[in-house]
Structures are given as structure tokens and as C-alpha cells.
Amino acid sequence: MKIVVTGGGSGGHFYPLIAVADKIREISEEKHILQPEITYMATEPYDEDALFRNEVNFTKIYAGKLRKDSFFRNIPDLFKTAWGVADTLVKLFQIYPDVVFTNGGYVAFPVLVAARILRIPVVIHVSDTVPSRVLLYAGKFAERISIAFPEAAKYFDKSKVALLGNPVRDEIKFKQKEGAHEFFNLDFSAPVIWIMGGSQGSQIINDTVIAALPKLVEKYQIIHQTGKKNYEDIYAVAGVTLLDNPLKKRYKVFPYLNDLQMKMAAGAADLVVTRAGAGSLYEIANWNLPAIVIPLSKVVSRDQESNSFAYARTGAATVIRQKNLTPNILLFEIDRIFKEEGLREKMIAATKEFFKPDAEVKIAQAILDIAIEHTK
């Protein structure tokens, strides 16, 4: 049995694929099914260690990216995409999997075109409220479609759709409360706010946090994930900003959090400030943490604003639009969540209502069912 997974460009695409691949292996072992050969097809391996640990092969393909801002910049990518489809068709034929699984991204397009030509069954997962162009295309011929938000159902044939939630990796699924404060050298004298700006970091969130930092540390302890490219600058500016501040030890800054650090941060945090990637929102809901969501603007991302307001409607979060983000507004919203009686408790209860457990297990089972049927 052979399975191809594809999608990428960000951790939000890559890690849910790994979570599903892990469960495919786990279910195969439990049910005494011959372990499938799983291959990740993408332009880059993204996280080679994760692929190795989960016994997932990597096959490099080529893909062009369709940009909204410039017609002329798309011209070379059209040729790259055409070459990518032809090259992927050969590579996919050589593997000839029993099923292809994707959660979108421009990287997946050549694989999906090739799968359709070769009549290989396709399963897709839509993590956002608004499906990408690639997933809308794939939805026309996919065998099964799983969605994370009910708002996405209207874009597809309802008979194929199942609302399953978003896959979460076992490595970060369970937050670590015991020892979390000690891990970050925090104490219990003030609430802990975990600020993260997505896998690439967010300049505007980082700058706003630094501007608000002297007032933030008066009341709160901060775990700040800046993104690798922003870390050195933020570390230096924060050091100057808090140079003579007696509460400067309340601010903890990191370029990136590994799996253990994420579980510890989730265990210590009382509130999260985050972007609105679907993966991040589901992880936060999984940890039952209240959130302030700051989505990317529609110019940059077609789905983050829609995701954030859909999530906020559940009561689990509040939203600050990026264009409205200032140090004072951020401080006001944080203070409001902690001061308004019962608000945090209501937000925590809403995360439990929103989160759908074991999405990765259910998706993996559907993939295996189709793969087994295809091998008959």
C-alpha cells in the first residue's frame, strides 16, 4: 500500500500532514495492516527530522506560486507550474500511490493535477473557513473532504464533506502544567501571556509588544515568540527598553519554540496573543487557552480574517484587526479579559465546545479505507 501526502510552504500545512501520517502508521499497526509506504511530495522537505521520525519519504517536485500583486511576476511561475505538472506526473506514476492526501498550498497543485490524470483517489482537508484555489479545484474530484470550520462546507458537495476539526500532533497535544513556570523561570505572582506571531514571526505584533512592554510587565509575565528572523532585533530593543526596569525578568523572549517549549508555554499561559492560522487556532483550542487573535490583512491572506471572526463567534477569542493594532488597544484588550468577571472562564469553556478531538485519527482512517479499497 502506498500513500502520498502533499502540501506545504508553512508549518500550518506541513505538521497536520505529519500528524495524519503518524496516525496512519498507528492504525495500520493496531489493525495488523501491512505498513504503508508514505511519501511527502513538495518543493522542500520543510522539516527533515519530522519526516525521518515518522518514516515518511521525500520526493522533490516543482511548483509555481500564483501571486495577486503582479501579473508579470506570475509569468515565470506559469512555466514553472507547467514543468512541475509534467515532472510530477512522471514521479507520481513511478510511485503510483493508492491515495493522495493534501491540505492545500500551491505546492500541492502539480500533484493533484497528476493524480487526476492518473485516476488516483484524492482526499483533501480544508483547515480554513475559506478554501484555497487549489482545494476548490481538488474538491471537484476528491473522494472525501474533511473540514475544520463549518463555514467551509458550502463550497463543496455536501455528500463528501465531514466536519472533523484540524489535526494536532501528539508531540504537542497535551500541555505540560507541572513545572511549566519553573521551566521559564516564572512565578505565580502575575498572569502569563504567551505571544506568538506564526511560524515566520510578525513584525507588527513584535513592534507593538515592545512598545507596550514597560506597561505589560507591570501586571503580566510574557513569553514572546518573535520568529527567527526578528529575534536578534527584538532581543536588543527589549533589552534597552527594560534596561532599568526592576520587572524586566518578567519578559522571556525566544526566536522559536520547540515541541517541549510549546507544551510548557501552553501549561504556563493564562492568555495567548496569536495570528489566525487555522493550525494555531486549533492548537490553542486544544490547550483550552483564551486568545486575542490578530489576523493578517485580506491583502496578505484570504483566510485569516475569516478564520479569526469564525473562531471569535464561538466565544473562545476576541479579535483585533491588524490595522487597528496599537500598544494601547492591545493593553486594553488584555486588561479587559482579566478584569471582566467570568470572561476568561467563558472563553475556556468555548474552546472546549469548539475543539473536535482526534481529527488526525479520523482522517487517517478515511485515507486507509480508500487505499485498501483501491488495492482490491
Protein backbone atom coordinates (compact mmCIF):
# COMPACT_ATOMS: atom_id res chain seq x y z
CA MET A 1 0.00 0.00 0.00
CA LYS A 2 1.34 3.43 -0.97
CA ILE A 3 0.14 6.87 0.17
CA VAL A 4 1.29 10.29 -0.98
CA VAL A 5 0.79 13.39 1.16
CA THR A 6 1.38 16.85 -0.24
CA GLY A 7 1.03 20.48 0.71
CA GLY A 8 3.38 22.96 2.19
CA GLY A 9 5.01 26.31 2.30
CA SER A 10 4.41 26.68 6.03
CA GLY A 11 4.23 24.72 9.26
CA GLY A 12 0.46 25.18 9.15
CA HIS A 13 0.37 22.90 6.11
CA PHE A 14 3.25 20.56 6.93
CA TYR A 15 2.63 19.49 10.53
CA PRO A 16 -1.02 18.43 10.12
CA LEU A 17 0.16 16.16 7.29
CA ILE A 18 2.72 14.65 9.65
CA ALA A 19 0.05 14.19 12.34
CA VAL A 20 -2.10 12.24 9.87
CA ALA A 21 0.87 10.20 8.61
CA ASP A 22 1.68 9.24 12.20
CA LYS A 23 -1.88 8.01 12.77
CA ILE A 24 -1.90 6.07 9.50
CA ARG A 25 1.06 4.08 10.83
CA GLU A 26 -0.53 3.70 14.27
CA ILE A 27 -3.85 2.42 12.89
CA SER A 28 -2.06 0.07 10.47
CA GLU A 29 -0.15 -1.46 13.36
CA GLU A 30 -3.24 -1.78 15.57
CA LYS A 31 -5.26 -3.46 12.82
CA HIS A 32 -2.35 -5.59 11.60
CA ILE A 33 -2.36 -3.95 8.18
CA LEU A 34 0.87 -4.02 6.21
CA GLN A 35 2.64 -0.73 6.97
CA PRO A 36 2.08 1.62 4.01
CA GLU A 37 4.87 3.41 2.21
CA ILE A 38 4.20 7.13 2.78
CA THR A 39 5.81 9.79 0.59
CA TYR A 40 5.74 13.56 1.05
CA MET A 41 5.85 15.37 -2.30
CA ALA A 42 6.79 19.04 -2.10
CA THR A 43 9.31 21.62 -3.27
CA GLU A 44 11.24 21.35 0.03
CA PRO A 45 11.22 18.80 2.88
CA TYR A 46 10.40 21.60 5.38
CA ASP A 47 11.33 19.54 8.47
CA GLU A 48 13.60 16.63 7.58
CA ASP A 49 13.77 15.44 11.19
CA ALA A 50 9.96 15.13 11.39
CA LEU A 51 9.92 13.19 8.11
CA PHE A 52 12.63 10.84 9.38
CA ARG A 53 10.96 10.24 12.76
CA ASN A 54 7.66 9.39 11.08
CA GLU A 55 9.23 7.23 8.35
CA VAL A 56 7.97 9.45 5.55
CA ASN A 57 9.93 9.53 2.29
CA PHE A 58 10.52 12.80 0.47
CA THR A 59 10.20 13.38 -3.28
CA LYS A 60 11.09 16.82 -4.60
CA ILE A 61 8.75 18.43 -7.12
CA TYR A 62 8.50 21.84 -8.77
CA ALA A 63 5.63 24.29 -8.39
CA GLY A 64 4.96 27.91 -9.28
CA LYS A 65 3.15 30.30 -7.00
CA LEU A 66 0.24 32.43 -8.23
CA ARG A 67 0.58 35.96 -6.82
CA LYS A 68 -2.17 38.54 -6.54
CA ASP A 69 0.05 41.62 -6.62
CA SER A 70 1.77 41.31 -10.00
CA PHE A 71 0.77 39.76 -13.32
CA PHE A 72 4.33 39.92 -14.66
CA ARG A 73 5.81 38.09 -11.65
CA ASN A 74 3.38 35.23 -12.39
CA ILE A 75 4.70 34.64 -15.92
CA PRO A 76 7.83 32.65 -14.94
CA ASP A 77 5.79 30.76 -12.36
CA LEU A 78 3.33 29.65 -15.01
CA PHE A 79 6.20 27.95 -16.84
CA LYS A 80 7.45 26.52 -13.55
CA THR A 81 3.98 25.13 -12.81
CA ALA A 82 3.69 23.58 -16.29
CA TRP A 83 7.10 21.95 -15.88
CA GLY A 84 6.12 20.90 -12.34
CA VAL A 85 2.97 19.14 -13.56
CA ALA A 86 4.89 17.24 -16.25
CA ASP A 87 7.70 16.28 -13.88
CA THR A 88 5.28 15.31 -11.08
CA LEU A 89 3.21 13.21 -13.48
CA VAL A 90 6.28 11.05 -14.14
CA LYS A 91 7.23 10.84 -10.45
CA LEU A 92 3.71 10.08 -9.29
CA PHE A 93 3.36 7.39 -11.97
CA GLN A 94 6.58 5.79 -10.70
CA ILE A 95 5.20 5.71 -7.13
CA TYR A 96 1.60 5.06 -8.23
CA PRO A 97 0.04 5.50 -4.77
CA ASP A 98 -3.33 4.13 -3.75
CA VAL A 99 -4.42 7.55 -2.46
CA VAL A 100 -3.20 11.15 -2.37
CA PHE A 101 -3.91 13.32 0.66
CA THR A 102 -3.48 17.09 0.77
CA ASN A 103 -4.40 20.13 2.85
CA GLY A 104 -3.62 22.57 0.07
CA GLY A 105 -0.97 25.12 -0.76
CA TYR A 106 0.45 25.91 -4.19
CA VAL A 107 2.90 23.02 -3.74
CA ALA A 108 0.02 20.53 -3.96
CA PHE A 109 -1.30 21.69 -7.34
CA PRO A 110 1.02 19.66 -9.64
CA VAL A 111 0.42 16.52 -7.56
CA LEU A 112 -3.35 16.96 -7.73
CA VAL A 113 -3.32 17.51 -11.50
CA ALA A 114 -1.17 14.41 -11.92
CA ALA A 115 -3.42 12.39 -9.60
CA ARG A 116 -6.48 13.35 -11.61
CA ILE A 117 -4.81 12.36 -14.89
CA LEU A 118 -3.74 9.02 -13.40
CA ARG A 119 -7.15 8.49 -11.73
CA ILE A 120 -5.62 8.13 -8.28
CA PRO A 121 -8.16 8.73 -5.45
CA VAL A 122 -7.74 12.03 -3.61
CA VAL A 123 -8.66 13.03 -0.05
CA ILE A 124 -8.46 16.69 0.96
CA HIS A 125 -8.56 18.54 4.25
CA VAL A 126 -9.71 22.16 4.43
CA SER A 127 -8.31 23.79 7.55
CA ASP A 128 -9.62 27.32 6.89
CA THR A 129 -13.07 28.84 6.68
CA VAL A 130 -12.43 29.76 3.04
CA PRO A 131 -10.82 27.04 0.87
CA SER A 132 -7.79 27.93 -1.22
CA ARG A 133 -7.97 27.87 -5.01
CA VAL A 134 -6.04 24.59 -5.01
CA LEU A 135 -8.55 22.94 -2.66
CA LEU A 136 -11.52 24.31 -4.58
CA TYR A 137 -10.05 22.68 -7.68
CA ALA A 138 -9.37 19.39 -5.86
CA GLY A 139 -12.82 19.41 -4.28
CA LYS A 140 -14.37 18.79 -7.69
CA PHE A 141 -12.94 15.27 -7.89
CA ALA A 142 -11.90 14.39 -4.31
CA GLU A 143 -13.34 11.19 -2.84
CA ARG A 144 -13.60 12.64 0.68
CA ILE A 145 -13.38 16.16 2.09
CA SER A 146 -12.74 16.92 5.75
CA ILE A 147 -13.21 20.45 7.08
CA ALA A 148 -12.17 22.22 10.27
CA PHE A 149 -14.74 25.05 10.21
CA PRO A 150 -18.42 24.54 9.32
CA GLU A 151 -18.26 27.69 7.15
CA ALA A 152 -16.19 25.77 4.56
CA ALA A 153 -18.93 23.21 3.83
CA LYS A 154 -20.83 25.46 1.43
CA TYR A 155 -18.02 25.33 -1.13
CA PHE A 156 -18.26 21.57 -1.72
CA ASP A 157 -20.61 18.70 -2.45
CA LYS A 158 -22.19 18.10 0.96
CA SER A 159 -22.25 14.32 0.45
CA LYS A 160 -18.44 14.25 0.51
CA VAL A 161 -17.91 16.60 3.48
CA ALA A 162 -17.27 15.74 7.13
CA LEU A 163 -16.65 18.31 9.88
CA LEU A 164 -13.74 16.70 11.73
CA GLY A 165 -11.64 19.56 13.07
CA ASN A 166 -7.93 20.09 12.45
CA PRO A 167 -5.14 17.52 13.04
CA VAL A 168 -2.92 18.14 16.08
CA ARG A 169 0.37 16.31 16.55
CA ASP A 170 0.78 14.03 19.56
CA GLU A 171 4.08 15.77 20.38
CA ILE A 172 2.28 18.97 21.39
CA LYS A 173 -1.26 17.75 22.08
CA PHE A 174 -1.03 17.71 25.86
CA LYS A 175 0.10 20.87 27.62
CA GLN A 176 2.56 20.47 30.48
CA LYS A 177 1.36 22.40 33.54
CA GLU A 178 3.57 20.76 36.13
CA GLY A 179 6.92 22.53 36.22
CA ALA A 180 5.98 24.96 33.42
CA HIS A 181 6.57 28.13 35.46
CA GLU A 182 9.90 26.83 36.70
CA PHE A 183 10.88 25.87 33.14
CA PHE A 184 10.58 29.52 32.02
CA ASN A 185 11.77 30.95 35.35
CA LEU A 186 8.33 32.45 36.01
CA ASP A 187 6.45 32.73 39.28
CA PHE A 188 2.78 32.77 40.27
CA SER A 189 2.63 36.45 41.21
CA ALA A 190 1.23 37.58 37.85
CA PRO A 191 -0.68 36.04 34.92
CA VAL A 192 1.31 34.71 31.96
CA ILE A 193 0.70 35.90 28.39
CA TRP A 194 2.10 33.87 25.52
CA ILE A 195 2.61 35.96 22.38
CA MET A 196 3.25 34.20 19.07
CA GLY A 197 3.18 35.61 15.57
CA GLY A 198 3.05 32.48 13.44
CA SER A 199 5.88 30.30 12.13
CA GLN A 200 7.58 33.24 10.39
CA GLY A 201 7.02 35.77 13.17
CA SER A 202 5.12 39.03 12.82
CA GLN A 203 6.90 42.37 12.67
CA ILE A 204 3.82 44.40 13.58
CA ILE A 205 2.94 42.21 16.59
CA ASN A 206 6.58 42.25 17.74
CA ASP A 207 6.82 46.04 17.43
CA THR A 208 3.52 46.56 19.26
CA VAL A 209 4.56 44.27 22.11
CA ILE A 210 7.89 46.07 22.52
CA ALA A 211 6.14 49.47 22.59
CA ALA A 212 3.73 48.17 25.25
CA LEU A 213 6.38 46.22 27.18
CA PRO A 214 7.00 48.60 30.13
CA LYS A 215 3.29 48.63 30.95
CA LEU A 216 2.81 44.93 30.21
CA VAL A 217 5.40 43.79 32.75
CA GLU A 218 3.74 45.89 35.46
CA LYS A 219 0.86 43.38 35.52
CA TYR A 220 1.88 40.34 33.48
CA GLN A 221 4.65 37.90 32.66
CA ILE A 222 5.39 37.49 28.95
CA ILE A 223 6.57 34.54 26.85
CA HIS A 224 7.29 36.09 23.45
CA GLN A 225 7.99 34.03 20.33
CA THR A 226 9.37 36.52 17.79
CA GLY A 227 10.17 34.35 14.77
CA LYS A 228 13.78 33.52 13.90
CA LYS A 229 14.38 36.42 11.52
CA ASN A 230 13.15 39.01 14.06
CA TYR A 231 14.75 37.63 17.21
CA GLU A 232 18.09 39.47 17.30
CA ASP A 233 16.49 42.90 16.75
CA ILE A 234 13.68 42.31 19.25
CA TYR A 235 16.08 40.92 21.86
CA ALA A 236 18.29 44.00 21.54
CA VAL A 237 15.44 46.54 21.60
CA ALA A 238 13.71 44.81 24.52
CA GLY A 239 16.98 44.85 26.45
CA VAL A 240 17.24 48.62 26.03
CA THR A 241 13.52 49.18 26.72
CA LEU A 242 13.66 47.27 30.01
CA LEU A 243 17.26 48.17 30.93
CA ASP A 244 16.48 49.81 34.27
CA ASN A 245 13.10 48.20 34.82
CA PRO A 246 13.02 46.17 38.06
CA LEU A 247 10.44 43.83 36.46
CA LYS A 248 12.49 43.01 33.36
CA LYS A 249 12.77 39.33 34.38
CA ARG A 250 9.05 39.01 33.64
CA TYR A 251 9.82 39.15 29.91
CA LYS A 252 11.04 35.94 28.24
CA VAL A 253 11.88 36.12 24.53
CA PHE A 254 12.52 33.25 22.10
CA PRO A 255 13.05 33.06 18.33
CA TYR A 256 11.15 29.78 18.09
CA LEU A 257 9.64 27.25 20.49
CA ASN A 258 10.35 23.56 20.03
CA ASP A 259 7.77 20.92 20.94
CA LEU A 260 8.76 20.74 24.61
CA GLN A 261 8.82 24.52 24.96
CA MET A 262 5.39 24.78 23.31
CA LYS A 263 3.88 22.28 25.75
CA MET A 264 5.44 24.14 28.66
CA ALA A 265 4.29 27.53 27.33
CA ALA A 266 0.76 26.15 26.95
CA GLY A 267 0.92 24.88 30.52
CA ALA A 268 2.08 28.21 31.93
CA ALA A 269 -0.06 30.58 29.83
CA ASP A 270 -3.26 32.23 31.00
CA LEU A 271 -3.85 34.01 27.66
CA VAL A 272 -2.47 33.74 24.12
CA VAL A 273 -1.96 36.51 21.58
CA THR A 274 -1.75 34.94 18.13
CA ARG A 275 -2.17 35.14 14.39
CA ALA A 276 -5.19 33.36 12.87
CA GLY A 277 -3.69 30.42 11.05
CA ALA A 278 -6.09 27.51 11.39
CA GLY A 279 -3.39 25.27 12.85
CA SER A 280 -2.57 27.77 15.58
CA LEU A 281 -6.23 28.32 16.48
CA TYR A 282 -6.87 24.59 16.79
CA GLU A 283 -3.77 24.06 18.91
CA ILE A 284 -4.86 26.88 21.23
CA ALA A 285 -8.37 25.42 21.45
CA ASN A 286 -6.86 22.01 22.15
CA TRP A 287 -4.99 23.56 25.10
CA ASN A 288 -8.19 25.35 26.29
CA LEU A 289 -6.50 28.75 26.28
CA PRO A 290 -8.34 32.07 25.82
CA ALA A 291 -6.93 34.09 22.94
CA ILE A 292 -6.61 37.51 21.38
CA VAL A 293 -6.39 36.93 17.63
CA ILE A 294 -4.67 39.40 15.29
CA PRO A 295 -5.27 38.18 11.73
CA LEU A 296 -3.20 39.07 8.70
CA SER A 297 -4.99 41.56 6.47
CA LYS A 298 -7.01 40.32 3.50
CA VAL A 299 -4.37 41.76 1.16
CA VAL A 300 -1.86 39.23 2.50
CA SER A 301 -4.11 36.32 3.49
CA ARG A 302 -7.54 35.45 2.12
CA ASP A 303 -8.48 33.32 5.12
CA GLN A 304 -7.07 34.70 8.40
CA GLU A 305 -9.70 37.39 8.97
CA SER A 306 -12.47 34.92 8.18
CA ASN A 307 -10.86 32.32 10.47
CA SER A 308 -10.49 34.78 13.32
CA PHE A 309 -14.07 36.00 13.29
CA ALA A 310 -15.45 32.48 12.92
CA TYR A 311 -13.40 31.45 15.95
CA ALA A 312 -14.37 34.57 17.90
CA ARG A 313 -18.07 33.87 17.30
CA THR A 314 -17.69 30.73 19.40
CA GLY A 315 -16.69 32.93 22.36
CA ALA A 316 -13.19 31.44 22.62
CA ALA A 317 -11.34 34.58 21.47
CA THR A 318 -11.51 38.27 20.74
CA VAL A 319 -10.18 39.86 17.55
CA ILE A 320 -8.05 42.94 16.94
CA ARG A 321 -7.72 43.76 13.25
CA GLN A 322 -4.13 44.44 12.26
CA LYS A 323 -4.98 47.93 11.01
CA ASN A 324 -6.35 48.77 14.47
CA LEU A 325 -3.46 47.29 16.44
CA THR A 326 -1.72 49.76 18.75
CA PRO A 327 0.04 49.28 22.09
CA ASN A 328 -2.87 50.91 23.94
CA ILE A 329 -5.52 48.78 22.24
CA LEU A 330 -3.54 45.61 22.94
CA LEU A 331 -3.13 46.58 26.60
CA PHE A 332 -6.81 47.49 26.90
CA GLU A 333 -7.97 44.15 25.48
CA ILE A 334 -5.61 42.14 27.69
CA ASP A 335 -6.74 44.06 30.78
CA ARG A 336 -10.41 43.63 29.83
CA ILE A 337 -10.11 39.85 29.57
CA PHE A 338 -8.54 39.59 33.02
CA LYS A 339 -10.76 42.20 34.72
CA GLU A 340 -14.21 41.31 33.36
CA GLU A 341 -15.73 38.85 35.79
CA GLY A 342 -16.10 35.36 34.40
CA LEU A 343 -14.88 36.25 30.90
CA ARG A 344 -11.80 34.01 30.88
CA GLU A 345 -13.83 31.10 32.21
CA LYS A 346 -16.41 31.58 29.43
CA MET A 347 -13.65 31.69 26.83
CA ILE A 348 -12.10 28.50 28.19
CA ALA A 349 -15.49 26.76 28.09
CA ALA A 350 -15.92 27.91 24.47
CA THR A 351 -12.60 26.35 23.43
CA LYS A 352 -13.82 23.00 24.76
CA GLU A 353 -17.07 23.35 22.80
CA PHE A 354 -15.24 24.33 19.60
CA PHE A 355 -12.45 21.76 19.60
CA LYS A 356 -13.08 18.44 17.88
CA PRO A 357 -10.69 15.76 19.13
CA ASP A 358 -8.94 13.10 17.07
CA ALA A 359 -9.31 14.74 13.65
CA GLU A 360 -5.97 13.21 12.64
CA VAL A 361 -7.25 9.72 13.57
CA LYS A 362 -10.49 10.09 11.62
CA ILE A 363 -8.74 11.47 8.54
CA ALA A 364 -6.12 8.72 8.68
CA GLN A 365 -8.85 6.06 8.88
CA ALA A 366 -10.63 7.52 5.85
CA ILE A 367 -7.38 7.52 3.87
CA LEU A 368 -6.69 3.91 4.79
CA ASP A 369 -10.24 2.86 3.88
CA ILE A 370 -9.87 4.35 0.40
CA ALA A 371 -6.33 2.98 -0.02
CA ILE A 372 -7.47 -0.54 0.91
CA GLU A 373 -10.42 -0.30 -1.49
CA HIS A 374 -8.09 0.89 -4.24
CA THR A 375 -5.77 -2.08 -3.80
CA LYS A 376 -8.57 -4.63 -4.33
